[in-house]
Amino acid sequence: MQARIEEEQFKGQKSLLLMSSTYNSLLDGDHLEFKNEPDQEKKREKLTVMVMAEEEDNAVSVESEFPKGRVKKIMRLDEDVKRVSSEALLLVSRSTELFLQFLAEKSAQVAMEKKRKTVNLEHLRTAVKRHQPTRDFLLDSLPLPTQPAKPDKPVPAADQNKSSTVPPGTRRIDQFFRKSEPQNPAQAQIQAQPPTPIE
């Protein structure tokens, strides 16, 4: 057994000597090819990792970022929609994601043009105004631009009350907790009268 091990070691040393003599007989340019081989292997591995990462980024995810139940409820707000298929739900969710991504990118671009780090409502309004299809349906829904915080001249007290009113279509939080008022003025008068005692 010991003889066999020594024989294998001798063969290994012989092959090592043969390889080293062959390596030494190569020209200088050929040496570089063998020296750079591990570097090339590392480069190939890095390239493979980068390509795989890029493919993962480009892969379309099947799942939506939005909760399915909530998107379904929003879709059912339309009186014509009674049922929502899973394909329609996926398409609406994905198109919403893409639209919001587009809007965020354009708003960030406007903020960078104005040398700001934070995107605000004005940047969003500007981005919407620059894109014709988005402007057609979204500009009316955005809140109006805010007035400057400090006026140039003093404002009378009567005008200050007008400026503190809320925009049309908004409600105060206490309106959610009040009893609903009747639509018909005649019903309002009947409810306003105290009940008459029965004699």
N, C-alpha and C. Protein backbone atom coordinates (compact mmCIF):
# COMPACT_ATOMS: atom_id res chain seq x y z
N MET A 1 0.82 -1.18 0.00
CA MET A 1 0.00 0.00 0.00
C MET A 1 0.87 1.25 0.00
N GLN A 2 1.92 1.24 0.84
CA GLN A 2 2.84 2.37 0.94
C GLN A 2 3.55 2.59 -0.39
N ALA A 3 3.88 1.49 -1.07
CA ALA A 3 4.57 1.59 -2.36
C ALA A 3 3.68 2.27 -3.39
N ARG A 4 2.39 1.97 -3.34
CA ARG A 4 1.45 2.55 -4.30
C ARG A 4 1.32 4.06 -4.08
N ILE A 5 1.29 4.50 -2.84
CA ILE A 5 1.18 5.92 -2.52
C ILE A 5 2.42 6.66 -3.01
N GLU A 6 3.60 6.06 -2.78
CA GLU A 6 4.84 6.70 -3.23
C GLU A 6 4.89 6.79 -4.75
N GLU A 7 4.36 5.76 -5.42
CA GLU A 7 4.34 5.75 -6.88
C GLU A 7 3.45 6.87 -7.41
N GLU A 8 2.28 7.08 -6.78
CA GLU A 8 1.36 8.16 -7.19
C GLU A 8 2.00 9.52 -6.97
N GLN A 9 2.71 9.69 -5.85
CA GLN A 9 3.37 10.97 -5.57
C GLN A 9 4.46 11.23 -6.61
N PHE A 10 5.19 10.18 -7.00
CA PHE A 10 6.25 10.32 -7.99
C PHE A 10 5.67 10.72 -9.34
N LYS A 11 4.53 10.10 -9.73
CA LYS A 11 3.87 10.45 -10.99
C LYS A 11 3.40 11.91 -10.94
N GLY A 12 2.89 12.33 -9.79
CA GLY A 12 2.44 13.71 -9.63
C GLY A 12 3.59 14.70 -9.77
N GLN A 13 4.74 14.34 -9.19
CA GLN A 13 5.91 15.22 -9.29
C GLN A 13 6.42 15.28 -10.72
N LYS A 14 6.38 14.12 -11.40
CA LYS A 14 6.83 14.08 -12.79
C LYS A 14 5.94 14.96 -13.67
N SER A 15 4.65 14.86 -13.48
CA SER A 15 3.73 15.66 -14.30
C SER A 15 3.88 17.15 -13.97
N LEU A 16 4.15 17.46 -12.71
CA LEU A 16 4.38 18.85 -12.31
C LEU A 16 5.63 19.40 -12.97
N LEU A 17 6.69 18.60 -13.01
CA LEU A 17 7.93 19.02 -13.67
C LEU A 17 7.71 19.21 -15.17
N LEU A 18 6.94 18.32 -15.77
CA LEU A 18 6.66 18.41 -17.19
C LEU A 18 5.87 19.68 -17.50
N MET A 19 4.87 19.97 -16.67
CA MET A 19 4.07 21.17 -16.88
C MET A 19 4.90 22.43 -16.67
N SER A 20 5.76 22.43 -15.66
CA SER A 20 6.56 23.63 -15.39
C SER A 20 7.58 23.85 -16.50
N SER A 21 8.15 22.77 -17.05
CA SER A 21 9.11 22.94 -18.15
C SER A 21 8.38 23.43 -19.40
N THR A 22 7.16 22.96 -19.63
CA THR A 22 6.37 23.42 -20.77
C THR A 22 6.01 24.90 -20.59
N TYR A 23 5.64 25.26 -19.39
CA TYR A 23 5.27 26.64 -19.08
C TYR A 23 6.47 27.56 -19.29
N ASN A 24 7.66 27.11 -18.85
CA ASN A 24 8.87 27.93 -18.99
C ASN A 24 9.29 28.08 -20.44
N SER A 25 8.93 27.12 -21.29
CA SER A 25 9.33 27.19 -22.69
C SER A 25 8.42 28.11 -23.51
N LEU A 26 7.33 28.55 -22.93
CA LEU A 26 6.41 29.44 -23.64
C LEU A 26 7.02 30.82 -23.81
N LEU A 27 6.56 31.53 -24.84
CA LEU A 27 7.01 32.91 -25.04
C LEU A 27 6.38 33.81 -23.98
N ASP A 28 6.93 35.01 -23.83
CA ASP A 28 6.45 35.91 -22.78
C ASP A 28 4.96 36.26 -22.93
N GLY A 29 4.49 36.48 -24.14
CA GLY A 29 3.08 36.82 -24.36
C GLY A 29 2.15 35.68 -23.99
N ASP A 30 2.60 34.45 -24.19
CA ASP A 30 1.77 33.30 -23.87
C ASP A 30 1.63 33.11 -22.36
N HIS A 31 2.64 33.55 -21.60
CA HIS A 31 2.56 33.45 -20.14
C HIS A 31 1.38 34.27 -19.61
N LEU A 32 1.19 35.45 -20.22
CA LEU A 32 0.13 36.34 -19.74
C LEU A 32 -1.25 35.71 -19.88
N GLU A 33 -1.42 34.94 -20.94
CA GLU A 33 -2.71 34.30 -21.14
C GLU A 33 -3.05 33.37 -19.98
N PHE A 34 -2.06 32.62 -19.51
CA PHE A 34 -2.30 31.71 -18.40
C PHE A 34 -2.40 32.46 -17.07
N LYS A 35 -1.63 33.53 -16.94
CA LYS A 35 -1.69 34.31 -15.70
C LYS A 35 -3.03 35.01 -15.56
N ASN A 36 -3.57 35.50 -16.69
CA ASN A 36 -4.82 36.25 -16.65
C ASN A 36 -6.05 35.35 -16.66
N GLU A 37 -5.86 34.07 -16.81
CA GLU A 37 -7.00 33.16 -16.87
C GLU A 37 -7.88 33.24 -15.62
N PRO A 38 -7.32 33.25 -14.41
CA PRO A 38 -8.19 33.40 -13.24
C PRO A 38 -8.93 34.74 -13.23
N ASP A 39 -8.26 35.81 -13.71
CA ASP A 39 -8.92 37.11 -13.78
C ASP A 39 -10.07 37.08 -14.77
N GLN A 40 -9.85 36.41 -15.89
CA GLN A 40 -10.92 36.30 -16.88
C GLN A 40 -12.09 35.50 -16.33
N GLU A 41 -11.79 34.47 -15.56
CA GLU A 41 -12.85 33.68 -14.95
C GLU A 41 -13.66 34.54 -13.98
N LYS A 42 -12.96 35.37 -13.20
CA LYS A 42 -13.66 36.27 -12.27
C LYS A 42 -14.52 37.27 -13.03
N LYS A 43 -13.99 37.78 -14.14
CA LYS A 43 -14.77 38.73 -14.95
C LYS A 43 -16.01 38.06 -15.51
N ARG A 44 -15.86 36.81 -15.97
CA ARG A 44 -17.01 36.08 -16.49
C ARG A 44 -18.07 35.88 -15.42
N GLU A 45 -17.62 35.55 -14.21
CA GLU A 45 -18.56 35.36 -13.10
C GLU A 45 -19.29 36.66 -12.78
N LYS A 46 -18.54 37.77 -12.73
CA LYS A 46 -19.17 39.07 -12.45
C LYS A 46 -20.18 39.43 -13.53
N LEU A 47 -19.80 39.18 -14.80
CA LEU A 47 -20.70 39.47 -15.90
C LEU A 47 -21.96 38.63 -15.81
N THR A 48 -21.80 37.36 -15.47
CA THR A 48 -22.95 36.47 -15.32
C THR A 48 -23.87 36.96 -14.21
N VAL A 49 -23.29 37.38 -13.09
CA VAL A 49 -24.10 37.88 -11.98
C VAL A 49 -24.83 39.15 -12.38
N MET A 50 -24.15 40.04 -13.11
CA MET A 50 -24.79 41.28 -13.55
C MET A 50 -25.93 41.01 -14.52
N VAL A 51 -25.73 40.08 -15.44
CA VAL A 51 -26.78 39.74 -16.40
C VAL A 51 -27.97 39.14 -15.69
N MET A 52 -27.72 38.27 -14.72
CA MET A 52 -28.83 37.66 -13.97
C MET A 52 -29.59 38.71 -13.18
N ALA A 53 -28.87 39.66 -12.58
CA ALA A 53 -29.53 40.72 -11.81
C ALA A 53 -30.36 41.60 -12.73
N GLU A 54 -29.85 41.89 -13.92
CA GLU A 54 -30.59 42.71 -14.87
C GLU A 54 -31.86 41.99 -15.34
N GLU A 55 -31.75 40.68 -15.56
CA GLU A 55 -32.92 39.91 -15.97
C GLU A 55 -33.97 39.90 -14.88
N GLU A 56 -33.54 39.83 -13.62
CA GLU A 56 -34.50 39.87 -12.51
C GLU A 56 -35.19 41.22 -12.44
N ASP A 57 -34.44 42.29 -12.70
CA ASP A 57 -35.04 43.62 -12.68
C ASP A 57 -36.05 43.79 -13.80
N ASN A 58 -35.74 43.23 -14.97
CA ASN A 58 -36.62 43.37 -16.12
C ASN A 58 -37.80 42.41 -16.09
N ALA A 59 -37.74 41.40 -15.26
CA ALA A 59 -38.82 40.42 -15.21
C ALA A 59 -40.07 41.08 -14.63
N VAL A 60 -41.20 40.81 -15.25
CA VAL A 60 -42.47 41.38 -14.80
C VAL A 60 -43.02 40.49 -13.70
N SER A 61 -43.31 41.11 -12.58
CA SER A 61 -43.87 40.32 -11.49
C SER A 61 -45.35 40.10 -11.75
N VAL A 62 -45.81 38.94 -11.40
CA VAL A 62 -47.21 38.60 -11.62
C VAL A 62 -48.07 39.20 -10.51
N GLU A 63 -47.54 39.33 -9.33
CA GLU A 63 -48.29 39.87 -8.21
C GLU A 63 -48.30 41.39 -8.26
N SER A 64 -49.39 41.95 -7.80
CA SER A 64 -49.54 43.40 -7.77
C SER A 64 -49.06 43.94 -6.43
N GLU A 65 -48.66 45.20 -6.43
CA GLU A 65 -48.23 45.84 -5.20
C GLU A 65 -49.44 46.30 -4.38
N PHE A 66 -50.58 46.46 -5.03
CA PHE A 66 -51.78 46.93 -4.35
C PHE A 66 -52.59 45.76 -3.83
N PRO A 67 -53.31 45.94 -2.72
CA PRO A 67 -54.16 44.87 -2.21
C PRO A 67 -55.31 44.57 -3.17
N LYS A 68 -55.50 43.31 -3.46
CA LYS A 68 -56.51 42.90 -4.44
C LYS A 68 -57.92 43.30 -4.00
N GLY A 69 -58.22 43.10 -2.73
CA GLY A 69 -59.56 43.41 -2.24
C GLY A 69 -59.91 44.88 -2.39
N ARG A 70 -58.97 45.74 -2.10
CA ARG A 70 -59.23 47.17 -2.20
C ARG A 70 -59.41 47.61 -3.65
N VAL A 71 -58.60 47.06 -4.55
CA VAL A 71 -58.74 47.40 -5.97
C VAL A 71 -60.09 46.92 -6.48
N LYS A 72 -60.51 45.74 -6.04
CA LYS A 72 -61.82 45.21 -6.43
C LYS A 72 -62.94 46.13 -5.96
N LYS A 73 -62.84 46.61 -4.71
CA LYS A 73 -63.87 47.51 -4.18
C LYS A 73 -63.94 48.80 -4.98
N ILE A 74 -62.79 49.32 -5.34
CA ILE A 74 -62.76 50.56 -6.13
C ILE A 74 -63.37 50.32 -7.51
N MET A 75 -63.08 49.17 -8.10
CA MET A 75 -63.64 48.86 -9.42
C MET A 75 -65.15 48.68 -9.34
N ARG A 76 -65.63 48.15 -8.24
CA ARG A 76 -67.07 47.92 -8.09
C ARG A 76 -67.85 49.20 -7.78
N LEU A 77 -67.15 50.30 -7.51
CA LEU A 77 -67.84 51.57 -7.30
C LEU A 77 -68.58 51.99 -8.57
N ASP A 78 -68.10 51.54 -9.71
CA ASP A 78 -68.80 51.79 -10.96
C ASP A 78 -70.05 50.91 -10.98
N GLU A 79 -71.20 51.52 -11.21
CA GLU A 79 -72.47 50.78 -11.15
C GLU A 79 -72.57 49.72 -12.24
N ASP A 80 -71.87 49.90 -13.35
CA ASP A 80 -71.93 48.94 -14.45
C ASP A 80 -71.13 47.68 -14.17
N VAL A 81 -70.21 47.74 -13.23
CA VAL A 81 -69.35 46.60 -12.93
C VAL A 81 -69.98 45.78 -11.81
N LYS A 82 -70.27 44.52 -12.11
CA LYS A 82 -70.85 43.64 -11.10
C LYS A 82 -69.82 42.62 -10.62
N ARG A 83 -69.06 42.08 -11.54
CA ARG A 83 -68.02 41.11 -11.22
C ARG A 83 -66.70 41.58 -11.81
N VAL A 84 -65.62 41.18 -11.13
CA VAL A 84 -64.28 41.56 -11.59
C VAL A 84 -63.48 40.28 -11.76
N SER A 85 -63.02 40.02 -12.98
CA SER A 85 -62.21 38.82 -13.21
C SER A 85 -60.79 39.06 -12.71
N SER A 86 -60.08 37.98 -12.48
CA SER A 86 -58.71 38.11 -11.96
C SER A 86 -57.79 38.78 -12.98
N GLU A 87 -58.04 38.54 -14.28
CA GLU A 87 -57.22 39.18 -15.31
C GLU A 87 -57.44 40.68 -15.32
N ALA A 88 -58.71 41.10 -15.22
CA ALA A 88 -59.01 42.53 -15.20
C ALA A 88 -58.42 43.18 -13.95
N LEU A 89 -58.51 42.49 -12.84
CA LEU A 89 -57.94 43.00 -11.59
C LEU A 89 -56.43 43.19 -11.73
N LEU A 90 -55.75 42.22 -12.32
CA LEU A 90 -54.31 42.31 -12.51
C LEU A 90 -53.96 43.45 -13.46
N LEU A 91 -54.71 43.59 -14.54
CA LEU A 91 -54.42 44.65 -15.50
C LEU A 91 -54.63 46.04 -14.91
N VAL A 92 -55.71 46.22 -14.17
CA VAL A 92 -55.96 47.52 -13.55
C VAL A 92 -54.89 47.83 -12.51
N SER A 93 -54.52 46.85 -11.71
CA SER A 93 -53.49 47.06 -10.69
C SER A 93 -52.15 47.40 -11.33
N ARG A 94 -51.78 46.63 -12.34
CA ARG A 94 -50.48 46.85 -12.98
C ARG A 94 -50.44 48.19 -13.72
N SER A 95 -51.54 48.54 -14.40
CA SER A 95 -51.55 49.82 -15.10
C SER A 95 -51.50 50.98 -14.12
N THR A 96 -52.12 50.83 -12.96
CA THR A 96 -52.04 51.86 -11.93
C THR A 96 -50.62 52.00 -11.41
N GLU A 97 -49.96 50.88 -11.19
CA GLU A 97 -48.56 50.91 -10.75
C GLU A 97 -47.69 51.63 -11.77
N LEU A 98 -47.86 51.30 -13.04
CA LEU A 98 -47.05 51.92 -14.09
C LEU A 98 -47.33 53.42 -14.19
N PHE A 99 -48.60 53.80 -14.07
CA PHE A 99 -48.95 55.22 -14.13
C PHE A 99 -48.33 55.98 -12.96
N LEU A 100 -48.43 55.43 -11.76
CA LEU A 100 -47.85 56.10 -10.60
C LEU A 100 -46.33 56.17 -10.70
N GLN A 101 -45.71 55.13 -11.24
CA GLN A 101 -44.26 55.15 -11.43
C GLN A 101 -43.89 56.25 -12.42
N PHE A 102 -44.63 56.35 -13.51
CA PHE A 102 -44.39 57.40 -14.51
C PHE A 102 -44.54 58.78 -13.89
N LEU A 103 -45.60 58.97 -13.12
CA LEU A 103 -45.86 60.27 -12.50
C LEU A 103 -44.77 60.62 -11.48
N ALA A 104 -44.32 59.63 -10.73
CA ALA A 104 -43.26 59.87 -9.74
C ALA A 104 -41.95 60.23 -10.43
N GLU A 105 -41.63 59.53 -11.52
CA GLU A 105 -40.38 59.82 -12.23
C GLU A 105 -40.40 61.22 -12.83
N LYS A 106 -41.52 61.59 -13.44
CA LYS A 106 -41.62 62.93 -14.04
C LYS A 106 -41.59 64.01 -12.97
N SER A 107 -42.23 63.78 -11.84
CA SER A 107 -42.22 64.76 -10.75
C SER A 107 -40.82 64.89 -10.17
N ALA A 108 -40.12 63.79 -10.03
CA ALA A 108 -38.75 63.84 -9.53
C ALA A 108 -37.84 64.58 -10.51
N GLN A 109 -38.09 64.40 -11.78
CA GLN A 109 -37.31 65.09 -12.80
C GLN A 109 -37.53 66.61 -12.69
N VAL A 110 -38.77 67.03 -12.48
CA VAL A 110 -39.06 68.46 -12.31
C VAL A 110 -38.38 68.98 -11.05
N ALA A 111 -38.42 68.21 -9.97
CA ALA A 111 -37.77 68.63 -8.73
C ALA A 111 -36.27 68.79 -8.93
N MET A 112 -35.66 67.88 -9.68
CA MET A 112 -34.22 67.98 -9.93
C MET A 112 -33.90 69.19 -10.80
N GLU A 113 -34.78 69.50 -11.75
CA GLU A 113 -34.58 70.69 -12.58
C GLU A 113 -34.61 71.96 -11.74
N LYS A 114 -35.46 71.96 -10.72
CA LYS A 114 -35.56 73.12 -9.84
C LYS A 114 -34.59 73.04 -8.67
N LYS A 115 -33.70 72.07 -8.73
CA LYS A 115 -32.65 71.87 -7.72
C LYS A 115 -33.24 71.68 -6.32
N ARG A 116 -34.22 70.81 -6.24
CA ARG A 116 -34.85 70.46 -4.97
C ARG A 116 -34.65 68.96 -4.74
N LYS A 117 -34.60 68.59 -3.47
CA LYS A 117 -34.44 67.18 -3.12
C LYS A 117 -35.78 66.52 -2.82
N THR A 118 -36.77 67.31 -2.48
CA THR A 118 -38.08 66.79 -2.11
C THR A 118 -39.10 67.16 -3.18
N VAL A 119 -39.90 66.19 -3.58
CA VAL A 119 -40.96 66.43 -4.56
C VAL A 119 -42.17 66.97 -3.81
N ASN A 120 -42.71 68.09 -4.29
CA ASN A 120 -43.92 68.63 -3.67
C ASN A 120 -45.03 68.76 -4.71
N LEU A 121 -46.15 69.32 -4.29
CA LEU A 121 -47.32 69.40 -5.16
C LEU A 121 -47.06 70.23 -6.41
N GLU A 122 -46.29 71.27 -6.29
CA GLU A 122 -45.98 72.11 -7.46
C GLU A 122 -45.21 71.31 -8.51
N HIS A 123 -44.30 70.46 -8.08
CA HIS A 123 -43.54 69.64 -9.03
C HIS A 123 -44.48 68.65 -9.72
N LEU A 124 -45.41 68.10 -8.97
CA LEU A 124 -46.39 67.17 -9.54
C LEU A 124 -47.27 67.89 -10.56
N ARG A 125 -47.75 69.08 -10.22
CA ARG A 125 -48.58 69.85 -11.15
C ARG A 125 -47.81 70.16 -12.44
N THR A 126 -46.56 70.53 -12.30
CA THR A 126 -45.74 70.85 -13.48
C THR A 126 -45.56 69.61 -14.35
N ALA A 127 -45.30 68.47 -13.73
CA ALA A 127 -45.13 67.23 -14.49
C ALA A 127 -46.42 66.86 -15.22
N VAL A 128 -47.56 67.06 -14.57
CA VAL A 128 -48.85 66.76 -15.20
C VAL A 128 -49.09 67.71 -16.37
N LYS A 129 -48.76 68.98 -16.20
CA LYS A 129 -48.98 69.96 -17.26
C LYS A 129 -48.13 69.66 -18.49
N ARG A 130 -46.96 69.09 -18.31
CA ARG A 130 -46.06 68.82 -19.43
C ARG A 130 -46.49 67.62 -20.27
N HIS A 131 -47.30 66.74 -19.72
CA HIS A 131 -47.71 65.53 -20.44
C HIS A 131 -49.18 65.68 -20.83
N GLN A 132 -49.45 65.84 -22.13
CA GLN A 132 -50.79 66.15 -22.62
C GLN A 132 -51.86 65.15 -22.19
N PRO A 133 -51.68 63.83 -22.40
CA PRO A 133 -52.75 62.90 -22.00
C PRO A 133 -53.04 62.93 -20.50
N THR A 134 -52.01 63.09 -19.70
CA THR A 134 -52.22 63.14 -18.26
C THR A 134 -52.90 64.44 -17.88
N ARG A 135 -52.51 65.53 -18.53
CA ARG A 135 -53.10 66.83 -18.23
C ARG A 135 -54.60 66.82 -18.51
N ASP A 136 -55.02 66.13 -19.57
CA ASP A 136 -56.42 66.14 -19.96
C ASP A 136 -57.35 65.61 -18.88
N PHE A 137 -56.92 64.60 -18.14
CA PHE A 137 -57.84 64.03 -17.16
C PHE A 137 -57.45 64.29 -15.71
N LEU A 138 -56.21 64.66 -15.43
CA LEU A 138 -55.78 64.74 -14.03
C LEU A 138 -55.64 66.15 -13.50
N LEU A 139 -55.39 67.12 -14.35
CA LEU A 139 -55.09 68.47 -13.88
C LEU A 139 -56.25 69.06 -13.08
N ASP A 140 -57.49 68.80 -13.50
CA ASP A 140 -58.65 69.34 -12.78
C ASP A 140 -58.81 68.71 -11.40
N SER A 141 -58.30 67.51 -11.21
CA SER A 141 -58.45 66.82 -9.93
C SER A 141 -57.40 67.23 -8.91
N LEU A 142 -56.30 67.81 -9.35
CA LEU A 142 -55.25 68.21 -8.42
C LEU A 142 -55.66 69.48 -7.67
N PRO A 143 -55.25 69.61 -6.41
CA PRO A 143 -55.57 70.83 -5.67
C PRO A 143 -54.89 72.04 -6.31
N LEU A 144 -55.51 73.19 -6.11
CA LEU A 144 -54.94 74.42 -6.65
C LEU A 144 -53.64 74.75 -5.95
N PRO A 145 -52.75 75.47 -6.62
CA PRO A 145 -51.48 75.81 -5.98
C PRO A 145 -51.71 76.69 -4.75
N THR A 146 -50.86 76.53 -3.77
CA THR A 146 -51.00 77.29 -2.53
C THR A 146 -50.47 78.70 -2.73
N GLN A 147 -51.00 79.61 -1.93
CA GLN A 147 -50.57 81.00 -1.98
C GLN A 147 -49.28 81.13 -1.18
N PRO A 148 -48.47 82.15 -1.45
CA PRO A 148 -47.25 82.34 -0.67
C PRO A 148 -47.58 82.56 0.80
N ALA A 149 -46.68 82.11 1.67
CA ALA A 149 -46.92 82.16 3.11
C ALA A 149 -46.95 83.58 3.64
N LYS A 150 -46.08 84.46 3.15
CA LYS A 150 -46.02 85.83 3.65
C LYS A 150 -46.53 86.78 2.57
N PRO A 151 -47.62 87.47 2.81
CA PRO A 151 -48.09 88.45 1.84
C PRO A 151 -47.19 89.69 1.87
N ASP A 152 -47.13 90.39 0.74
CA ASP A 152 -46.29 91.58 0.64
C ASP A 152 -46.83 92.74 1.46
N LYS A 153 -48.15 92.90 1.48
CA LYS A 153 -48.74 94.00 2.25
C LYS A 153 -49.69 93.43 3.29
N PRO A 154 -49.97 94.18 4.34
CA PRO A 154 -50.86 93.67 5.38
C PRO A 154 -52.26 93.41 4.84
N VAL A 155 -52.86 92.34 5.34
CA VAL A 155 -54.19 91.93 4.91
C VAL A 155 -55.19 92.32 5.98
N PRO A 156 -56.33 92.96 5.60
CA PRO A 156 -57.35 93.29 6.61
C PRO A 156 -57.93 92.02 7.23
N ALA A 157 -58.51 92.18 8.42
CA ALA A 157 -59.04 91.03 9.17
C ALA A 157 -60.15 90.33 8.40
N ALA A 158 -60.98 91.05 7.66
CA ALA A 158 -62.08 90.43 6.90
C ALA A 158 -61.53 89.51 5.82
N ASP A 159 -60.44 89.91 5.18
CA ASP A 159 -59.84 89.08 4.13
C ASP A 159 -59.13 87.86 4.71
N GLN A 160 -58.65 87.96 5.94
CA GLN A 160 -57.98 86.82 6.56
C GLN A 160 -58.96 85.68 6.79
N ASN A 161 -60.22 85.99 7.15
CA ASN A 161 -61.23 84.95 7.35
C ASN A 161 -61.54 84.23 6.04
N LYS A 162 -61.55 84.98 4.94
CA LYS A 162 -61.84 84.38 3.64
C LYS A 162 -60.72 83.42 3.22
N SER A 163 -59.48 83.78 3.53
CA SER A 163 -58.36 82.95 3.11
C SER A 163 -58.24 81.66 3.92
N SER A 164 -58.86 81.62 5.11
CA SER A 164 -58.76 80.42 5.93
C SER A 164 -59.85 79.40 5.62
N THR A 165 -60.75 79.70 4.68
CA THR A 165 -61.79 78.73 4.33
C THR A 165 -61.16 77.59 3.55
N VAL A 166 -61.81 76.45 3.64
CA VAL A 166 -61.30 75.27 2.95
C VAL A 166 -61.75 75.29 1.50
N PRO A 167 -61.03 74.63 0.61
CA PRO A 167 -61.41 74.60 -0.80
C PRO A 167 -62.74 73.89 -0.99
N PRO A 168 -63.44 74.19 -2.07
CA PRO A 168 -64.73 73.53 -2.31
C PRO A 168 -64.56 72.03 -2.48
N GLY A 169 -65.53 71.29 -1.98
CA GLY A 169 -65.49 69.84 -2.10
C GLY A 169 -64.82 69.13 -0.94
N THR A 170 -64.23 69.88 -0.02
CA THR A 170 -63.60 69.26 1.15
C THR A 170 -64.50 69.42 2.35
N ARG A 171 -64.37 68.51 3.29
CA ARG A 171 -65.19 68.55 4.50
C ARG A 171 -64.29 68.54 5.72
N ARG A 172 -64.78 69.15 6.74
CA ARG A 172 -64.05 69.14 8.00
C ARG A 172 -64.30 67.80 8.69
N ILE A 173 -63.42 67.44 9.59
CA ILE A 173 -63.52 66.14 10.26
C ILE A 173 -64.78 66.05 11.12
N ASP A 174 -65.22 67.17 11.69
CA ASP A 174 -66.41 67.12 12.55
C ASP A 174 -67.68 66.87 11.75
N GLN A 175 -67.67 67.08 10.45
CA GLN A 175 -68.85 66.79 9.63
C GLN A 175 -69.11 65.29 9.53
N PHE A 176 -68.10 64.50 9.72
CA PHE A 176 -68.28 63.06 9.66
C PHE A 176 -69.03 62.54 10.89
N PHE A 177 -68.99 63.28 11.98
CA PHE A 177 -69.57 62.81 13.23
C PHE A 177 -70.91 63.47 13.56
N ARG A 178 -71.42 64.31 12.70
CA ARG A 178 -72.72 64.94 12.90
C ARG A 178 -73.81 64.03 12.35
N LYS A 179 -75.02 64.28 12.85
CA LYS A 179 -76.17 63.59 12.27
C LYS A 179 -76.42 64.18 10.90
N SER A 180 -76.85 63.33 10.00
CA SER A 180 -77.11 63.83 8.65
C SER A 180 -78.34 64.72 8.67
N GLU A 181 -78.29 65.79 7.88
CA GLU A 181 -79.40 66.73 7.82
C GLU A 181 -80.32 66.30 6.70
N PRO A 182 -81.64 66.47 6.87
CA PRO A 182 -82.59 66.04 5.84
C PRO A 182 -82.43 66.85 4.56
N GLN A 183 -82.72 66.20 3.44
CA GLN A 183 -82.60 66.84 2.14
C GLN A 183 -83.76 67.80 1.87
N ASN A 184 -84.96 67.45 2.36
CA ASN A 184 -86.17 68.22 2.10
C ASN A 184 -86.35 69.29 3.19
N PRO A 185 -86.55 70.57 2.83
CA PRO A 185 -86.73 71.61 3.85
C PRO A 185 -87.99 71.40 4.70
N ALA A 186 -89.03 70.80 4.14
CA ALA A 186 -90.26 70.56 4.91
C ALA A 186 -89.99 69.56 6.03
N GLN A 187 -89.16 68.55 5.74
CA GLN A 187 -88.80 67.58 6.78
C GLN A 187 -87.99 68.24 7.87
N ALA A 188 -87.17 69.21 7.50
CA ALA A 188 -86.36 69.91 8.49
C ALA A 188 -87.25 70.69 9.46
N GLN A 189 -88.34 71.29 8.95
CA GLN A 189 -89.25 72.04 9.82
C GLN A 189 -90.01 71.10 10.75
N ILE A 190 -90.42 69.95 10.25
CA ILE A 190 -91.15 68.99 11.08
C ILE A 190 -90.26 68.48 12.19
N GLN A 191 -89.01 68.19 11.88
CA GLN A 191 -88.10 67.69 12.90
C GLN A 191 -87.72 68.77 13.90
N ALA A 192 -87.76 70.04 13.48
CA ALA A 192 -87.37 71.12 14.37
C ALA A 192 -88.46 71.40 15.41
N GLN A 193 -89.74 71.06 15.11
CA GLN A 193 -90.82 71.31 16.06
C GLN A 193 -90.77 70.29 17.19
N PRO A 194 -90.95 70.76 18.42
CA PRO A 194 -90.97 69.81 19.53
C PRO A 194 -92.24 68.96 19.49
N PRO A 195 -92.18 67.75 19.96
CA PRO A 195 -93.37 66.90 19.95
C PRO A 195 -94.44 67.47 20.89
N THR A 196 -95.68 67.38 20.46
CA THR A 196 -96.79 67.87 21.28
C THR A 196 -97.24 66.78 22.24
N PRO A 197 -97.49 67.14 23.49
CA PRO A 197 -97.93 66.13 24.46
C PRO A 197 -99.35 65.67 24.17
N ILE A 198 -99.63 64.45 24.40
CA ILE A 198 -100.95 63.87 24.18
C ILE A 198 -101.75 64.03 25.46
N GLU A 199 -102.97 64.60 25.33
CA GLU A 199 -103.80 64.82 26.52
C GLU A 199 -104.91 63.86 26.64
